[in-house]
Amino acid sequence: MIKSFAEYVDEHTLIELIIKERVKSAAKKTVEKKEKQRKGRKKQDKKEKEQKDICQELHNLTPPRNTWRRLRKKTRNGISSTAVLNKLALRNTIRYDIEQVRDHGAEAPSYLVNLLQFIEKIKAIVNSDKPIDFSGQIKVIAQFKKNDGDTAVYRPLSVYDNLKTKTLISLASGYLTKYLDGCLHEEILAYRPKRVYHDSYRTTSGEDAIYGIQDFIDQHYEQPIYVAECDIQKFYDVINHDVVLRCFRQIAQEAQLPQSHEVERILKAYLDSYSFQKDIMSLNECEEYWVPYRQRQKKQAKQFCRFEWVSDECLNDCYGNDEELDACKALLGVPQGGALSCVIANIVLNSVDKVITAEPDSERFFVRYGDDILLAHTDYDKCKELIEAYTRSLEEHRLPYHTFKPLAECKDGEKTTKEFWDRKSKAPFFWGPGDGNAFEWIGFVGYEVRYTGEVRLRLSTLNKKFGAINKRYHSCILTKTPKDFKGYMKSNRRKLRGLPSSMSKFPALDKNMYSIQQMKSLDRYRLTKILRLQDKLEFKFGDIAQKADVPIDIENTFVSQWYRGEAFSFYRQLDKQK
């Protein structure tokens, strides 16, 4: 039975949300403390003081950390995650205190009084018909994306700095995720709760798309397969608020949500609190906002910093003319990082997907992860017809997409140019060998799949691994002579033990000539960096190490272990994985 939003917002749900936020806050504080110790900073910066102020209310609603009830050994057995253990301990503590107060007449601790009052305030807001206002509560965090000439381009991440607001948004997100999920197409893989997917109850991931592609190959190995890809330009930044509300009302009716206006009030307040033009693009002209980001970049600081926006020419294809676009600009965008934004993505794009998914077709394969879609079909004309219908549906929902270009124009004989891989939308092409409109590989969710079924890492994904190794290498090198050389070497050994070596993030990667080559290249690169670090430290600090009687033993410590087992070799892990 589907509950109304007011029924969903009960004491148990609210307490679980508070516990989740408190545990997350504790983990974040631990990470920040370690980072502060690593950098040797003593003073709090402005950001840390703001975070401390934000977390204070949360701490007032939960018992002090040193009073959390210790878990029994039987309960702790088999649980290695600190976050899970903390969640269980905090939950037990709150439950025990509530039981003591309600069943045994004990005096309520101050935190419990605050918590129960907070719960009643949230319930009162949910049950009220008064308008909700979230405006002015968003903080924009710039996340570095790329360099473009003399300009550093950033991605805007938005967070709400009010606990009451965050709680209401999380409640709406949890409710819609739970009760609208049954209306979504099976092959929408991102931002979904645990569900029955291909006969197993679990959370779906990007790897399921790769397994689905391989199954489609097996089922149609004697038939030609044609593939098309489509990607939306700046989806979260250009989505229209009116379109969101229209799609929500349609899916709420389809799911038969009781009293859907209750949760719609929060959804509307969420949309009204944010506009990409007003809240983000205006910061491009604010020099004061970019000062901290320039300071962090130091020598690499660019002359300009900015957020990107979709060109008006692209948006005009969706809006028809400049006047209509200008009238709607204040209604464009949802906060990246907001709990409801992922739900909104699935609500709107599920409506777009219906032009493809409405009718079953055994000769078709369709999957969407976030705003990226992959379409395959055994018939070229049908594949072309479906992708054209999809782009028309995007335009109807006022979503601009990356333009298509024939594959043949991005090829030199049978080899593709860089332009092909840079293209986020690809017109239908034959998935197989040959020149012209044919290619052997397709890329999706960080992987590349060959027409014969082999899987390798996408070049951008592989380069991120190389970059992570290089970053760790540079973190071990000091420009100045360390005061405590023994501590410095100890720190380096700890850092090197954390060098990227895990295959756990690539479960879909199978053992083949292409993946073997990639994994061995990672192993070689990492080994080279270790040997280079040994030489560099001996050259810079050899005399100091001799005086302090501290060996520079990076090579002896790590190289001798490097190919000893799965823990230190990408290739050996790949060999074990498949």
Protein backbone atom coordinates (compact mmCIF):
# COMPACT_ATOMS: atom_id res chain seq x y z
CA MET A 1 0.00 0.00 0.00
CA ILE A 2 1.32 3.45 -0.95
CA LYS A 3 1.49 5.89 1.94
CA SER A 4 0.79 9.57 1.62
CA PHE A 5 3.77 11.85 2.22
CA ALA A 6 2.40 12.91 5.62
CA GLU A 7 2.11 9.24 6.66
CA TYR A 8 5.64 8.53 5.37
CA VAL A 9 7.10 11.31 7.56
CA ASP A 10 7.01 9.56 10.93
CA GLU A 11 9.32 9.56 13.94
CA HIS A 12 11.26 6.48 12.82
CA THR A 13 12.03 7.90 9.34
CA LEU A 14 13.14 11.24 10.75
CA ILE A 15 15.40 9.68 13.38
CA GLU A 16 17.04 7.51 10.70
CA LEU A 17 17.72 10.63 8.61
CA ILE A 18 19.30 12.44 11.55
CA ILE A 19 21.45 9.38 12.33
CA LYS A 20 22.62 9.22 8.71
CA GLU A 21 23.59 12.91 8.67
CA ARG A 22 25.34 12.69 12.06
CA VAL A 23 27.45 9.68 11.00
CA LYS A 24 28.30 11.40 7.73
CA SER A 25 29.37 14.49 9.69
CA ALA A 26 31.59 12.39 11.98
CA ALA A 27 33.32 10.75 9.01
CA LYS A 28 33.84 14.10 7.29
CA LYS A 29 35.33 15.58 10.46
CA THR A 30 37.82 12.68 10.72
CA VAL A 31 38.95 13.17 7.12
CA GLU A 32 39.33 16.93 7.59
CA LYS A 33 41.35 16.39 10.77
CA LYS A 34 43.77 14.06 8.97
CA GLU A 35 44.07 16.48 6.06
CA LYS A 36 44.77 19.33 8.47
CA GLN A 37 47.49 17.30 10.20
CA ARG A 38 49.01 16.37 6.85
CA LYS A 39 49.21 19.99 5.73
CA GLY A 40 50.36 21.16 9.14
CA ARG A 41 47.71 23.85 9.43
CA LYS A 42 46.92 25.16 12.89
CA LYS A 43 44.35 27.86 12.19
CA GLN A 44 40.85 27.23 11.00
CA ASP A 45 40.01 28.72 7.64
CA LYS A 46 36.70 30.37 6.85
CA LYS A 47 35.25 27.21 5.27
CA GLU A 48 35.95 25.13 8.38
CA LYS A 49 34.29 27.72 10.64
CA GLU A 50 31.17 27.73 8.43
CA GLN A 51 31.01 23.93 8.48
CA LYS A 52 31.36 23.95 12.26
CA ASP A 53 28.41 26.34 12.53
CA ILE A 54 26.31 24.19 10.19
CA CYS A 55 27.03 20.98 12.13
CA GLN A 56 26.33 22.45 15.53
CA GLU A 57 22.54 22.03 15.24
CA LEU A 58 23.00 18.45 14.16
CA HIS A 59 25.19 17.75 17.18
CA ASN A 60 22.51 19.26 19.45
CA LEU A 61 20.01 16.66 18.18
CA THR A 62 22.19 13.62 18.90
CA PRO A 63 23.98 12.28 22.00
CA PRO A 64 27.66 13.21 22.50
CA ARG A 65 30.06 10.89 20.68
CA ASN A 66 31.59 9.52 23.88
CA THR A 67 28.16 8.36 25.15
CA TRP A 68 27.27 6.16 22.15
CA ARG A 69 26.49 2.67 23.37
CA ARG A 70 29.21 0.15 22.59
CA LEU A 71 28.14 -2.69 20.31
CA ARG A 72 28.44 -6.26 21.45
CA LYS A 73 31.09 -8.43 19.83
CA LYS A 74 28.36 -10.58 18.24
CA THR A 75 26.83 -7.49 16.59
CA ARG A 76 30.20 -6.17 15.36
CA ASN A 77 31.25 -9.51 13.90
CA GLY A 78 31.59 -9.37 10.12
CA ILE A 79 31.15 -5.56 9.88
CA SER A 80 34.29 -3.72 8.78
CA SER A 81 32.73 -0.37 7.81
CA THR A 82 33.23 2.32 10.45
CA ALA A 83 30.19 4.21 9.13
CA VAL A 84 27.93 1.17 9.59
CA LEU A 85 29.25 0.52 13.10
CA ASN A 86 28.74 4.17 14.07
CA LYS A 87 25.22 4.10 12.65
CA LEU A 88 24.32 1.01 14.69
CA ALA A 89 25.85 2.46 17.87
CA LEU A 90 24.04 5.80 17.50
CA ARG A 91 20.74 4.09 16.67
CA ASN A 92 21.00 1.86 19.75
CA THR A 93 21.80 4.85 21.96
CA ILE A 94 18.79 6.89 20.79
CA ARG A 95 16.45 3.89 21.00
CA TYR A 96 17.64 3.09 24.54
CA ASP A 97 17.16 6.69 25.71
CA ILE A 98 13.65 6.88 24.19
CA GLU A 99 12.71 3.58 25.85
CA GLN A 100 13.99 4.78 29.23
CA VAL A 101 11.99 8.01 28.98
CA ARG A 102 8.71 6.57 27.65
CA ASP A 103 8.60 3.19 29.39
CA HIS A 104 10.45 3.86 32.63
CA GLY A 105 9.81 7.54 33.26
CA ALA A 106 13.45 8.62 33.16
CA GLU A 107 14.38 12.23 32.60
CA ALA A 108 15.00 12.95 28.93
CA PRO A 109 18.57 14.03 28.01
CA SER A 110 18.82 17.52 26.54
CA TYR A 111 19.63 16.19 23.05
CA LEU A 112 16.48 14.01 23.06
CA VAL A 113 14.29 16.98 23.99
CA ASN A 114 15.80 18.90 21.05
CA LEU A 115 15.38 15.92 18.73
CA LEU A 116 11.70 15.34 19.54
CA GLN A 117 10.98 19.06 19.16
CA PHE A 118 12.74 19.06 15.79
CA ILE A 119 10.64 16.08 14.66
CA GLU A 120 7.42 17.85 15.61
CA LYS A 121 8.49 20.97 13.69
CA ILE A 122 9.14 18.91 10.54
CA LYS A 123 5.79 17.13 10.86
CA ALA A 124 4.02 20.47 11.32
CA ILE A 125 5.56 21.82 8.10
CA VAL A 126 4.61 18.68 6.16
CA ASN A 127 1.02 18.74 7.45
CA SER A 128 0.60 22.47 6.86
CA ASP A 129 -0.75 24.02 3.65
CA LYS A 130 1.47 27.09 3.98
CA PRO A 131 3.98 27.75 1.16
CA ILE A 132 7.52 26.56 1.77
CA ASP A 133 10.48 28.80 0.99
CA PHE A 134 14.04 27.46 0.52
CA SER A 135 15.44 30.57 -1.14
CA GLY A 136 18.73 32.05 0.02
CA GLN A 137 19.91 28.80 1.63
CA ILE A 138 22.20 27.51 -1.12
CA LYS A 139 25.99 27.64 -0.99
CA VAL A 140 27.76 27.12 -4.32
CA ILE A 141 31.03 25.17 -4.32
CA ALA A 142 33.17 25.34 -7.46
CA GLN A 143 34.72 22.02 -8.47
CA PHE A 144 37.59 22.19 -10.96
CA LYS A 145 36.75 20.63 -14.32
CA LYS A 146 39.33 21.60 -16.95
CA ASN A 147 41.60 24.35 -18.27
CA ASP A 148 40.52 26.22 -21.38
CA GLY A 149 43.40 28.43 -22.51
CA ASP A 150 43.86 31.16 -19.89
CA THR A 151 40.57 30.19 -18.16
CA ALA A 152 39.94 27.60 -15.46
CA VAL A 153 36.49 26.05 -15.98
CA TYR A 154 34.58 24.85 -12.90
CA ARG A 155 31.51 22.72 -12.21
CA PRO A 156 29.02 24.21 -9.68
CA LEU A 157 27.99 22.00 -6.75
CA SER A 158 25.21 23.32 -4.55
CA VAL A 159 24.52 22.49 -0.91
CA TYR A 160 21.79 23.64 1.47
CA ASP A 161 23.21 24.99 4.73
CA ASN A 162 20.03 24.65 6.80
CA LEU A 163 19.32 21.36 8.58
CA LYS A 164 15.54 21.77 8.46
CA THR A 165 15.66 22.38 4.71
CA LYS A 166 18.04 19.48 4.09
CA THR A 167 15.76 17.18 6.08
CA LEU A 168 12.63 18.17 4.14
CA ILE A 169 14.44 17.69 0.82
CA SER A 170 15.82 14.29 1.91
CA LEU A 171 12.34 13.18 3.01
CA ALA A 172 10.84 14.15 -0.36
CA SER A 173 13.69 12.43 -2.20
CA GLY A 174 13.31 9.21 -0.20
CA TYR A 175 9.54 9.17 -0.65
CA LEU A 176 9.60 9.74 -4.42
CA THR A 177 12.47 7.30 -4.95
CA LYS A 178 10.53 4.59 -3.13
CA TYR A 179 7.05 5.03 -4.59
CA LEU A 180 7.81 6.16 -8.15
CA ASP A 181 10.39 3.49 -8.87
CA GLY A 182 7.82 1.02 -10.18
CA CYS A 183 6.94 3.41 -13.02
CA LEU A 184 10.51 3.63 -14.33
CA HIS A 185 11.80 1.49 -17.18
CA GLU A 186 13.87 -1.51 -16.07
CA GLU A 187 17.03 -0.38 -17.91
CA ILE A 188 17.23 2.99 -16.18
CA LEU A 189 20.18 2.07 -13.97
CA ALA A 190 21.18 5.18 -12.00
CA TYR A 191 19.61 6.73 -8.89
CA ARG A 192 17.39 3.74 -8.08
CA PRO A 193 16.74 1.90 -4.81
CA LYS A 194 17.33 -1.82 -4.36
CA ARG A 195 14.98 -3.73 -6.63
CA VAL A 196 14.49 -7.03 -8.43
CA TYR A 197 16.70 -6.76 -11.50
CA HIS A 198 17.24 -9.82 -13.68
CA ASP A 199 16.08 -12.21 -10.93
CA SER A 200 18.19 -10.70 -8.15
CA TYR A 201 17.36 -8.10 -5.50
CA ARG A 202 20.08 -5.43 -5.56
CA THR A 203 21.09 -1.91 -6.48
CA THR A 204 21.91 -1.50 -10.17
CA SER A 205 25.14 0.13 -11.37
CA GLY A 206 26.88 1.18 -14.57
CA GLU A 207 28.44 -2.28 -14.85
CA ASP A 208 24.97 -3.74 -15.43
CA ALA A 209 24.90 -1.81 -18.71
CA ILE A 210 28.10 -3.59 -19.79
CA TYR A 211 26.70 -7.01 -18.83
CA GLY A 212 23.50 -6.16 -20.74
CA ILE A 213 25.49 -5.24 -23.85
CA GLN A 214 27.42 -8.53 -23.68
CA ASP A 215 24.16 -10.49 -23.34
CA PHE A 216 22.75 -8.67 -26.38
CA ILE A 217 25.86 -9.66 -28.36
CA ASP A 218 25.43 -13.31 -27.35
CA GLN A 219 21.76 -13.30 -28.34
CA HIS A 220 22.40 -11.71 -31.77
CA TYR A 221 25.91 -12.94 -32.64
CA GLU A 222 24.83 -13.95 -36.16
CA GLN A 223 23.11 -10.62 -36.89
CA PRO A 224 24.54 -7.15 -37.61
CA ILE A 225 24.20 -4.68 -34.74
CA TYR A 226 23.85 -0.91 -35.17
CA VAL A 227 24.56 1.49 -32.31
CA ALA A 228 23.64 5.10 -31.49
CA GLU A 229 24.49 7.26 -28.47
CA CYS A 230 22.95 10.47 -27.18
CA ASP A 231 24.03 12.83 -24.42
CA ILE A 232 22.27 15.92 -23.10
CA GLN A 233 24.17 19.19 -22.83
CA LYS A 234 24.48 20.36 -19.19
CA PHE A 235 21.34 18.48 -18.16
CA TYR A 236 21.12 19.76 -14.58
CA ASP A 237 21.84 23.32 -15.68
CA VAL A 238 19.19 23.61 -18.41
CA ILE A 239 16.26 21.53 -17.19
CA ASN A 240 13.05 23.58 -17.21
CA HIS A 241 11.08 23.86 -13.95
CA ASP A 242 7.71 23.81 -15.72
CA VAL A 243 8.71 20.60 -17.53
CA VAL A 244 9.73 19.05 -14.20
CA LEU A 245 6.36 19.79 -12.61
CA ARG A 246 4.47 18.55 -15.67
CA CYS A 247 6.40 15.26 -15.73
CA PHE A 248 6.01 14.86 -11.97
CA ARG A 249 2.23 15.22 -12.15
CA GLN A 250 2.09 12.65 -14.95
CA ILE A 251 4.15 10.04 -13.12
CA ALA A 252 2.41 10.76 -9.78
CA GLN A 253 -0.90 10.02 -11.47
CA GLU A 254 0.54 6.88 -13.04
CA ALA A 255 1.89 5.69 -9.68
CA GLN A 256 -1.38 6.69 -7.97
CA LEU A 257 0.37 8.71 -5.27
CA PRO A 258 -2.19 9.68 -2.62
CA GLN A 259 -2.33 13.43 -1.99
CA SER A 260 0.66 14.12 -4.24
CA HIS A 261 0.30 17.87 -3.57
CA GLU A 262 1.94 17.32 -0.14
CA VAL A 263 5.29 16.35 -1.65
CA GLU A 264 4.81 18.65 -4.63
CA ARG A 265 5.01 21.65 -2.24
CA ILE A 266 8.58 20.65 -1.34
CA LEU A 267 9.47 19.89 -4.95
CA LYS A 268 8.22 23.32 -6.03
CA ALA A 269 10.10 25.06 -3.19
CA TYR A 270 13.23 23.18 -4.27
CA LEU A 271 12.86 24.39 -7.86
CA ASP A 272 12.00 27.96 -6.85
CA SER A 273 15.13 28.20 -4.68
CA TYR A 274 17.50 27.79 -7.61
CA SER A 275 18.14 29.25 -11.04
CA PHE A 276 21.34 28.62 -12.94
CA GLN A 277 21.36 32.09 -14.46
CA LYS A 278 20.70 33.86 -11.17
CA ASP A 279 22.68 31.69 -8.71
CA ILE A 280 25.58 30.46 -10.84
CA MET A 281 26.25 32.59 -13.91
CA SER A 282 26.13 35.76 -11.81
CA LEU A 283 29.20 34.46 -9.92
CA ASN A 284 31.30 34.70 -13.09
CA GLU A 285 31.35 38.47 -12.57
CA CYS A 286 32.11 38.25 -8.84
CA GLU A 287 35.90 38.44 -8.41
CA GLU A 288 35.65 38.04 -4.63
CA TYR A 289 34.03 34.59 -5.03
CA TRP A 290 37.00 33.24 -7.03
CA VAL A 291 39.78 34.48 -4.70
CA PRO A 292 39.97 31.27 -2.58
CA TYR A 293 40.08 29.10 -5.71
CA ARG A 294 42.91 31.15 -7.20
CA GLN A 295 44.85 30.79 -3.94
CA ARG A 296 44.49 27.01 -4.00
CA GLN A 297 45.79 26.87 -7.55
CA LYS A 298 48.89 28.91 -6.61
CA LYS A 299 51.35 28.83 -9.52
CA GLN A 300 48.87 27.09 -11.82
CA ALA A 301 46.27 29.84 -11.34
CA LYS A 302 44.66 30.99 -14.57
CA GLN A 303 43.82 34.55 -15.45
CA PHE A 304 40.08 33.85 -15.46
CA CYS A 305 37.72 31.46 -13.64
CA ARG A 306 34.20 30.72 -14.77
CA PHE A 307 31.23 28.37 -14.91
CA GLU A 308 30.09 27.11 -18.31
CA TRP A 309 26.69 27.60 -19.92
CA VAL A 310 24.99 26.15 -22.98
CA SER A 311 25.01 28.43 -26.01
CA ASP A 312 21.78 30.23 -26.84
CA GLU A 313 21.90 28.67 -30.31
CA CYS A 314 21.50 25.18 -28.79
CA LEU A 315 18.70 26.29 -26.50
CA ASN A 316 16.86 28.02 -29.34
CA ASP A 317 16.30 24.61 -30.95
CA CYS A 318 14.20 23.78 -27.87
CA TYR A 319 12.51 27.15 -27.34
CA GLY A 320 11.94 28.41 -30.86
CA ASN A 321 13.10 32.00 -30.49
CA ASP A 322 15.13 34.36 -28.31
CA GLU A 323 12.09 35.97 -26.68
CA GLU A 324 10.70 32.68 -25.41
CA LEU A 325 14.15 31.63 -24.21
CA ASP A 326 14.73 34.91 -22.33
CA ALA A 327 11.35 34.52 -20.61
CA CYS A 328 12.30 31.03 -19.41
CA LYS A 329 15.94 31.54 -18.40
CA ALA A 330 15.00 32.26 -14.79
CA LEU A 331 13.28 28.84 -14.68
CA LEU A 332 16.25 26.77 -15.84
CA GLY A 333 18.45 24.50 -13.75
CA VAL A 334 18.34 22.35 -10.62
CA PRO A 335 21.11 22.19 -7.97
CA GLN A 336 23.88 19.73 -8.74
CA GLY A 337 24.47 17.80 -5.54
CA GLY A 338 20.92 18.31 -4.24
CA ALA A 339 19.14 15.14 -3.05
CA LEU A 340 16.09 15.80 -5.24
CA SER A 341 18.01 16.51 -8.44
CA CYS A 342 18.71 12.83 -9.17
CA VAL A 343 15.02 12.00 -8.66
CA ILE A 344 14.08 14.85 -11.00
CA ALA A 345 16.49 13.47 -13.63
CA ASN A 346 14.74 10.09 -13.62
CA ILE A 347 11.25 11.62 -13.59
CA VAL A 348 11.88 13.84 -16.63
CA LEU A 349 14.04 11.47 -18.66
CA ASN A 350 11.69 8.54 -18.06
CA SER A 351 9.09 10.62 -19.89
CA VAL A 352 11.60 11.17 -22.72
CA ASP A 353 12.54 7.46 -22.84
CA LYS A 354 8.97 6.32 -23.55
CA VAL A 355 9.36 6.98 -27.29
CA ILE A 356 11.83 4.07 -27.26
CA THR A 357 10.65 1.89 -24.39
CA ALA A 358 6.87 2.07 -24.91
CA GLU A 359 6.79 -1.03 -27.11
CA PRO A 360 8.77 -4.24 -26.43
CA ASP A 361 11.30 -5.23 -29.08
CA SER A 362 13.59 -8.27 -28.78
CA GLU A 363 15.86 -6.87 -31.52
CA ARG A 364 16.48 -3.64 -29.54
CA PHE A 365 18.77 -2.88 -26.64
CA PHE A 366 18.30 0.33 -24.67
CA VAL A 367 19.99 1.49 -21.48
CA ARG A 368 20.31 4.82 -19.71
CA TYR A 369 22.69 5.78 -16.93
CA GLY A 370 22.07 9.31 -15.66
CA ASP A 371 21.60 11.41 -18.81
CA ASP A 372 23.69 9.11 -21.05
CA ILE A 373 21.82 6.67 -23.28
CA LEU A 374 22.93 3.80 -25.47
CA LEU A 375 20.71 2.34 -28.19
CA ALA A 376 21.43 -0.78 -30.25
CA HIS A 377 19.31 -2.53 -32.86
CA THR A 378 19.75 -5.24 -35.46
CA ASP A 379 18.06 -3.07 -38.11
CA TYR A 380 19.78 0.16 -39.20
CA ASP A 381 16.60 1.96 -40.31
CA LYS A 382 14.85 1.13 -37.06
CA CYS A 383 17.85 2.30 -35.02
CA LYS A 384 17.89 5.59 -36.94
CA GLU A 385 14.12 6.01 -36.53
CA LEU A 386 14.31 5.46 -32.76
CA ILE A 387 17.22 7.84 -32.14
CA GLU A 388 15.51 10.55 -34.22
CA ALA A 389 12.31 10.07 -32.21
CA TYR A 390 14.38 10.32 -29.02
CA THR A 391 15.96 13.64 -30.03
CA ARG A 392 12.53 15.04 -30.94
CA SER A 393 11.29 13.99 -27.51
CA LEU A 394 14.27 15.79 -25.93
CA GLU A 395 13.37 18.97 -27.78
CA GLU A 396 9.74 18.66 -26.64
CA HIS A 397 11.04 18.45 -23.06
CA ARG A 398 13.27 21.47 -23.81
CA LEU A 399 16.54 19.61 -23.37
CA PRO A 400 19.42 20.40 -25.76
CA TYR A 401 21.61 17.49 -26.86
CA HIS A 402 25.06 17.20 -28.35
CA THR A 403 24.81 17.23 -32.13
CA PHE A 404 25.38 14.12 -34.22
CA LYS A 405 28.03 13.66 -36.88
CA PRO A 406 28.34 10.73 -39.29
CA LEU A 407 31.02 8.28 -38.22
CA ALA A 408 32.50 8.21 -41.71
CA GLU A 409 33.58 11.86 -41.28
CA CYS A 410 35.55 10.93 -38.13
CA LYS A 411 37.57 8.11 -39.71
CA ASP A 412 40.80 7.66 -41.58
CA GLY A 413 40.37 4.32 -43.32
CA GLU A 414 39.38 1.89 -40.57
CA LYS A 415 40.87 4.02 -37.78
CA THR A 416 38.83 6.62 -35.92
CA THR A 417 40.07 10.10 -35.14
CA LYS A 418 40.05 11.80 -31.73
CA GLU A 419 36.90 13.63 -32.81
CA PHE A 420 34.92 10.38 -32.74
CA TRP A 421 35.76 9.75 -29.09
CA ASP A 422 35.19 13.37 -28.14
CA ARG A 423 31.69 13.23 -29.67
CA LYS A 424 29.16 12.57 -26.91
CA SER A 425 26.29 11.91 -29.33
CA LYS A 426 26.88 9.43 -32.17
CA ALA A 427 24.60 8.78 -35.11
CA PRO A 428 23.79 5.10 -35.88
CA PHE A 429 26.80 3.11 -37.10
CA PHE A 430 27.62 -0.53 -37.76
CA TRP A 431 29.21 -2.12 -34.72
CA GLY A 432 31.95 -4.18 -36.30
CA PRO A 433 35.04 -4.08 -38.55
CA GLY A 434 35.31 -2.11 -41.74
CA ASP A 435 35.77 1.39 -43.08
CA GLY A 436 33.12 4.07 -43.59
CA ASN A 437 30.19 3.95 -41.15
CA ALA A 438 31.57 1.09 -39.03
CA PHE A 439 33.66 0.75 -35.87
CA GLU A 440 34.64 -2.13 -33.59
CA TRP A 441 34.23 -0.41 -30.21
CA ILE A 442 31.56 1.47 -28.27
CA GLY A 443 32.15 3.45 -25.05
CA PHE A 444 29.80 3.66 -22.08
CA VAL A 445 30.07 4.36 -18.28
CA GLY A 446 33.88 4.33 -18.26
CA TYR A 447 34.29 1.14 -20.32
CA GLU A 448 34.69 0.22 -23.97
CA VAL A 449 33.12 -2.91 -25.43
CA ARG A 450 34.27 -4.62 -28.64
CA TYR A 451 31.71 -6.10 -31.05
CA THR A 452 33.04 -9.54 -30.07
CA GLY A 453 32.33 -8.89 -26.36
CA GLU A 454 35.77 -7.99 -24.95
CA VAL A 455 35.83 -5.17 -22.38
CA ARG A 456 38.58 -2.64 -21.69
CA LEU A 457 38.78 0.65 -19.79
CA ARG A 458 37.96 3.87 -21.58
CA LEU A 459 41.04 5.99 -22.22
CA SER A 460 39.74 8.79 -19.95
CA THR A 461 39.16 6.26 -17.14
CA LEU A 462 42.65 4.80 -17.61
CA ASN A 463 44.22 8.27 -17.58
CA LYS A 464 42.52 9.01 -14.25
CA LYS A 465 44.34 5.99 -12.78
CA PHE A 466 47.65 7.24 -14.17
CA GLY A 467 46.88 10.67 -12.72
CA ALA A 468 46.09 9.24 -9.27
CA ILE A 469 49.44 7.41 -9.21
CA ASN A 470 51.29 10.53 -10.34
CA LYS A 471 49.52 12.67 -7.72
CA ARG A 472 50.55 10.27 -4.94
CA TYR A 473 54.15 10.32 -6.25
CA HIS A 474 54.32 14.13 -6.14
CA SER A 475 52.81 14.20 -2.62
CA CYS A 476 55.91 12.28 -1.41
CA ILE A 477 58.36 14.92 -2.65
CA LEU A 478 59.17 18.00 -0.58
CA THR A 479 60.75 21.17 -1.92
CA LYS A 480 62.23 21.99 1.51
CA THR A 481 64.39 19.87 3.81
CA PRO A 482 62.14 18.06 6.33
CA LYS A 483 62.74 18.87 10.02
CA ASP A 484 61.94 15.30 11.09
CA PHE A 485 63.39 13.03 8.40
CA LYS A 486 62.33 9.83 10.15
CA GLY A 487 58.72 11.04 10.31
CA TYR A 488 58.94 12.15 6.69
CA MET A 489 60.01 8.67 5.51
CA LYS A 490 57.33 7.06 7.65
CA SER A 491 54.73 9.33 6.04
CA ASN A 492 55.99 8.40 2.55
CA ARG A 493 55.73 4.68 3.26
CA ARG A 494 52.15 5.19 4.45
CA LYS A 495 51.28 7.16 1.30
CA LEU A 496 52.80 4.53 -0.98
CA ARG A 497 50.84 1.76 0.66
CA GLY A 498 47.78 3.68 -0.48
CA LEU A 499 48.91 3.77 -4.11
CA PRO A 500 46.03 2.84 -6.45
CA SER A 501 46.04 -0.92 -6.88
CA SER A 502 42.43 -2.01 -6.50
CA MET A 503 40.32 -3.54 -9.28
CA SER A 504 37.14 -3.31 -7.22
CA LYS A 505 35.89 -0.25 -9.16
CA PHE A 506 36.06 -2.15 -12.47
CA PRO A 507 34.08 -5.36 -11.88
CA ALA A 508 32.94 -5.55 -15.53
CA LEU A 509 36.52 -5.69 -16.82
CA ASP A 510 37.33 -9.14 -18.20
CA LYS A 511 40.67 -10.72 -19.08
CA ASN A 512 41.55 -10.21 -22.73
CA MET A 513 44.49 -8.94 -24.77
CA TYR A 514 43.28 -5.33 -24.50
CA SER A 515 42.64 -5.22 -20.74
CA ILE A 516 45.87 -7.14 -20.04
CA GLN A 517 47.82 -4.48 -21.91
CA GLN A 518 46.11 -1.71 -19.93
CA MET A 519 46.70 -3.33 -16.53
CA LYS A 520 50.35 -4.09 -17.28
CA SER A 521 50.86 -0.47 -18.36
CA LEU A 522 49.49 0.66 -14.97
CA ASP A 523 51.82 -1.73 -13.17
CA ARG A 524 54.83 -0.51 -15.18
CA TYR A 525 53.96 3.15 -14.61
CA ARG A 526 53.56 2.65 -10.88
CA LEU A 527 56.87 0.74 -10.65
CA THR A 528 58.63 3.49 -12.61
CA LYS A 529 57.33 6.11 -10.18
CA ILE A 530 58.55 4.10 -7.18
CA LEU A 531 62.06 3.75 -8.62
CA ARG A 532 62.12 7.42 -9.62
CA LEU A 533 61.08 8.43 -6.10
CA GLN A 534 63.91 6.35 -4.62
CA ASP A 535 66.47 8.07 -6.86
CA LYS A 536 65.06 11.53 -6.19
CA LEU A 537 65.08 11.11 -2.40
CA GLU A 538 68.64 9.75 -2.43
CA PHE A 539 69.80 12.70 -4.54
CA LYS A 540 68.06 15.34 -2.38
CA PHE A 541 68.31 13.90 1.13
CA GLY A 542 71.07 11.24 0.96
CA ASP A 543 73.42 13.10 3.37
CA ILE A 544 70.59 13.91 5.81
CA ALA A 545 69.43 10.29 5.81
CA GLN A 546 72.97 9.10 6.57
CA LYS A 547 73.37 11.54 9.48
CA ALA A 548 69.95 10.65 10.90
CA ASP A 549 70.63 6.93 10.36
CA VAL A 550 67.30 6.60 8.54
CA PRO A 551 67.45 4.44 5.39
CA ILE A 552 65.76 5.61 2.21
CA ASP A 553 64.25 2.19 1.62
CA ILE A 554 61.37 2.97 -0.75
CA GLU A 555 62.67 0.57 -3.42
CA ASN A 556 63.48 -2.28 -1.00
CA THR A 557 60.17 -1.96 0.82
CA PHE A 558 57.86 -1.83 -2.18
CA VAL A 559 59.54 -3.19 -5.29
CA SER A 560 60.26 -6.55 -3.66
CA GLN A 561 56.52 -6.87 -2.89
CA TRP A 562 55.24 -5.43 -6.13
CA TYR A 563 54.35 -8.61 -7.98
CA ARG A 564 53.98 -10.82 -4.95
CA GLY A 565 50.19 -10.99 -4.95
CA GLU A 566 46.88 -9.51 -5.99
CA ALA A 567 47.11 -6.61 -3.56
CA PHE A 568 50.01 -4.99 -5.44
CA SER A 569 49.37 -5.73 -9.10
CA PHE A 570 46.54 -4.65 -11.37
CA TYR A 571 47.35 -7.50 -13.75
CA ARG A 572 47.28 -10.20 -11.06
CA GLN A 573 43.97 -8.87 -9.76
CA LEU A 574 42.57 -9.00 -13.29
CA ASP A 575 43.81 -12.58 -13.59
CA LYS A 576 42.04 -13.47 -10.36
CA GLN A 577 38.88 -11.46 -11.14
CA LYS A 578 37.98 -13.28 -14.34
